[in-house]
Structure formats: structure tokens, C-alpha cells
C-alpha atoms as a PDB file:
ATOM      1  CA  MET A   1      -0.217  -0.120  -0.147  1.00  0.00           C
ATOM      2  CA  ASN A   2       1.379   3.450  -0.745  1.00  0.00           C
ATOM      3  CA  LEU A   3      -0.392   6.157   0.199  1.00  0.00           C
ATOM      4  CA  GLU A   4       2.438   8.635  -1.226  1.00  0.00           C
ATOM      5  CA  HIS A   5      -0.030  10.628  -3.297  1.00  0.00           C
ATOM      6  CA  LEU A   6      -2.827  10.605  -0.829  1.00  0.00           C
ATOM      7  CA  GLY A   7      -3.666  14.798  -0.737  1.00  0.00           C
ATOM      8  CA  GLY A   8      -4.941  18.098  -2.450  1.00  0.00           C
ATOM      9  CA  ASP A   9      -8.510  18.650  -2.389  1.00  0.00           C
ATOM     10  CA  HIS A  10      -9.363  14.633  -1.643  1.00  0.00           C
ATOM     11  CA  GLY A  11      -6.899  14.206   1.090  1.00  0.00           C
ATOM     12  CA  LEU A  12      -7.004  12.894   4.822  1.00  0.00           C
ATOM     13  CA  SER A  13      -7.051  16.287   5.955  1.00  0.00           C
ATOM     14  CA  LYS A  14      -9.911  17.094   4.367  1.00  0.00           C
ATOM     15  CA  CYS A  15     -11.814  14.122   6.258  1.00  0.00           C
ATOM     16  CA  GLU A  16     -13.846  14.747   9.303  1.00  0.00           C
ATOM     17  CA  PRO A  17     -12.856  11.679  11.995  1.00  0.00           C
ATOM     18  CA  LEU A  18     -15.488   9.275  11.570  1.00  0.00           C
ATOM     19  CA  GLU A  19     -14.432   9.644   7.381  1.00  0.00           C
ATOM     20  CA  LYS A  20     -10.557   8.720   8.625  1.00  0.00           C
ATOM     21  CA  ALA A  21     -11.833   5.622  10.585  1.00  0.00           C
ATOM     22  CA  ALA A  22     -13.857   4.684   7.725  1.00  0.00           C
ATOM     23  CA  PHE A  23     -10.585   5.060   5.563  1.00  0.00           C
ATOM     24  CA  ALA A  24      -8.729   2.400   7.905  1.00  0.00           C
ATOM     25  CA  ASP A  25     -11.704   0.083   8.450  1.00  0.00           C
ATOM     26  CA  THR A  26     -11.443   0.477   4.969  1.00  0.00           C
ATOM     27  CA  LEU A  27      -7.683  -0.526   4.358  1.00  0.00           C
ATOM     28  CA  HIS A  28      -7.861  -3.490   7.324  1.00  0.00           C
ATOM     29  CA  LYS A  29     -11.234  -5.288   5.625  1.00  0.00           C
ATOM     30  CA  PRO A  30      -9.416  -6.283   2.367  1.00  0.00           C
ATOM     31  CA  SER A  31      -6.477  -7.077   3.788  1.00  0.00           C
ATOM     32  CA  LYS A  32      -7.938 -10.115   5.318  1.00  0.00           C
ATOM     33  CA  MET A  33      -9.425 -11.024   1.898  1.00  0.00           C
ATOM     34  CA  THR A  34      -8.539 -12.601  -1.143  1.00  0.00           C
ATOM     35  CA  TRP A  35      -8.873 -10.687  -4.320  1.00  0.00           C
ATOM     36  CA  GLY A  36     -11.064 -13.035  -5.465  1.00  0.00           C
ATOM     37  CA  GLU A  37     -13.153 -12.433  -2.202  1.00  0.00           C
ATOM     38  CA  ILE A  38     -12.493  -8.947  -2.587  1.00  0.00           C
ATOM     39  CA  GLN A  39     -14.163  -9.281  -6.481  1.00  0.00           C
ATOM     40  CA  LEU A  40     -17.136 -11.504  -5.536  1.00  0.00           C
ATOM     41  CA  ALA A  41     -17.989  -8.755  -2.797  1.00  0.00           C
ATOM     42  CA  ARG A  42     -20.329  -6.089  -3.232  1.00  0.00           C
ATOM     43  CA  LYS A  43     -19.377  -3.003  -4.591  1.00  0.00           C
ATOM     44  CA  HIS A  44     -20.728  -0.793  -1.715  1.00  0.00           C
ATOM     45  CA  GLY A  45     -19.804  -3.280   0.779  1.00  0.00           C
ATOM     46  CA  ASN A  46     -16.400  -5.052   1.193  1.00  0.00           C
ATOM     47  CA  GLY A  47     -16.493  -5.191  -2.782  1.00  0.00           C
ATOM     48  CA  SER A  48     -14.514  -2.828  -5.275  1.00  0.00           C
ATOM     49  CA  GLU A  49     -15.052  -1.674  -8.760  1.00  0.00           C
ATOM     50  CA  SER A  50     -13.414  -0.634 -11.812  1.00  0.00           C
ATOM     51  CA  ILE A  51     -13.089   2.671 -12.615  1.00  0.00           C
ATOM     52  CA  PRO A  52     -12.593   4.232 -16.304  1.00  0.00           C
ATOM     53  CA  ARG A  53     -10.137   6.488 -16.804  1.00  0.00           C
ATOM     54  CA  ALA A  54     -13.295   8.866 -18.202  1.00  0.00           C
ATOM     55  CA  ALA A  55     -14.317   9.294 -15.274  1.00  0.00           C
ATOM     56  CA  PHE A  56     -11.136  11.846 -14.081  1.00  0.00           C
ATOM     57  CA  GLY A  57     -12.520  13.616 -17.211  1.00  0.00           C
ATOM     58  CA  SER A  58      -9.711  16.570 -17.105  1.00  0.00           C
ATOM     59  CA  ARG A  59      -7.833  15.787 -13.700  1.00  0.00           C
ATOM     60  CA  ARG A  60      -4.557  15.023 -13.755  1.00  0.00           C
ATOM     61  CA  LEU A  61      -3.442  11.123 -12.397  1.00  0.00           C
ATOM     62  CA  PRO A  62      -0.577  11.106 -10.581  1.00  0.00           C
ATOM     63  CA  PRO A  63       2.651  10.343 -12.680  1.00  0.00           C
ATOM     64  CA  GLY A  64       2.944   6.479 -11.169  1.00  0.00           C
ATOM     65  CA  VAL A  65      -0.687   5.969 -12.834  1.00  0.00           C
ATOM     66  CA  THR A  66       0.210   5.251 -16.402  1.00  0.00           C
ATOM     67  CA  ASP A  67      -1.926   3.652 -18.955  1.00  0.00           C
ATOM     68  CA  ASP A  68      -1.467   0.074 -18.394  1.00  0.00           C
ATOM     69  CA  VAL A  69      -2.484   0.607 -14.570  1.00  0.00           C
ATOM     70  CA  ASN A  70      -6.040  -0.412 -13.914  1.00  0.00           C
ATOM     71  CA  LEU A  71      -7.890   1.758 -11.539  1.00  0.00           C
ATOM     72  CA  ILE A  72     -10.606   0.435  -9.091  1.00  0.00           C
ATOM     73  CA  ALA A  73     -12.764   2.287  -6.194  1.00  0.00           C
ATOM     74  CA  PHE A  74     -13.337   0.828  -2.713  1.00  0.00           C
ATOM     75  CA  ARG A  75     -16.012   2.230  -0.910  1.00  0.00           C
ATOM     76  CA  ILE A  76     -15.330   4.211   2.684  1.00  0.00           C
ATOM     77  CA  TRP A  77     -17.953   6.519   3.348  1.00  0.00           C
ATOM     78  CA  GLY A  78     -21.657   6.156   2.073  1.00  0.00           C
ATOM     79  CA  LYS A  79     -21.071   5.817  -1.547  1.00  0.00           C
ATOM     80  CA  ALA A  80     -17.860   7.985  -1.161  1.00  0.00           C
ATOM     81  CA  PRO A  81     -15.100   5.948  -3.149  1.00  0.00           C
ATOM     82  CA  MET A  82     -10.393   5.521  -2.364  1.00  0.00           C
ATOM     83  CA  VAL A  83      -9.484   5.111  -5.670  1.00  0.00           C
ATOM     84  CA  GLY A  84      -6.136   3.447  -6.245  1.00  0.00           C
END
């Protein structure tokens, strides 16, 4: 797990304490699951979903996110996604 690019307008510093706790829980839950279990889980539960690059519009992605990198989202607070 690399949180190097976490920040800006959508970083943890912009989150409320309960949202920060949800972020930590979201990181912890899938760490105990296999990729197969994550893929089978509901996307708004403990699962994930693929995010197309077009969903980011004109926003720049970090330099390490090259065209061969698949983007996925985990839901951390309601429907709020954490994308990586």
C-alpha cells in the first residue's frame, strides 16, 4: 500500500474524524480477504469496482498511474470512493 499521492483536495486532511476511521477500516477489511473474495463482494460493501479513466475527466492522475494501470474503487464512507 502506498499513500504517497494521497492529498490535495481529496486527502485525509479534508476528512472528518469518522471519515478517517472509515478509511482505516476500509484498508483493514480487504487486507483479510483474497482478491477473489473482494471481486465477488458487493461494490458498496467490502468489494470494489473498476473505474474508467474517463470518469476523471480533465483531472490529472498522479505520474505513477500509467495507461497500463487499472483503477479500482473501494467505498469508504457511504458511497464515497477511495480510488487506487
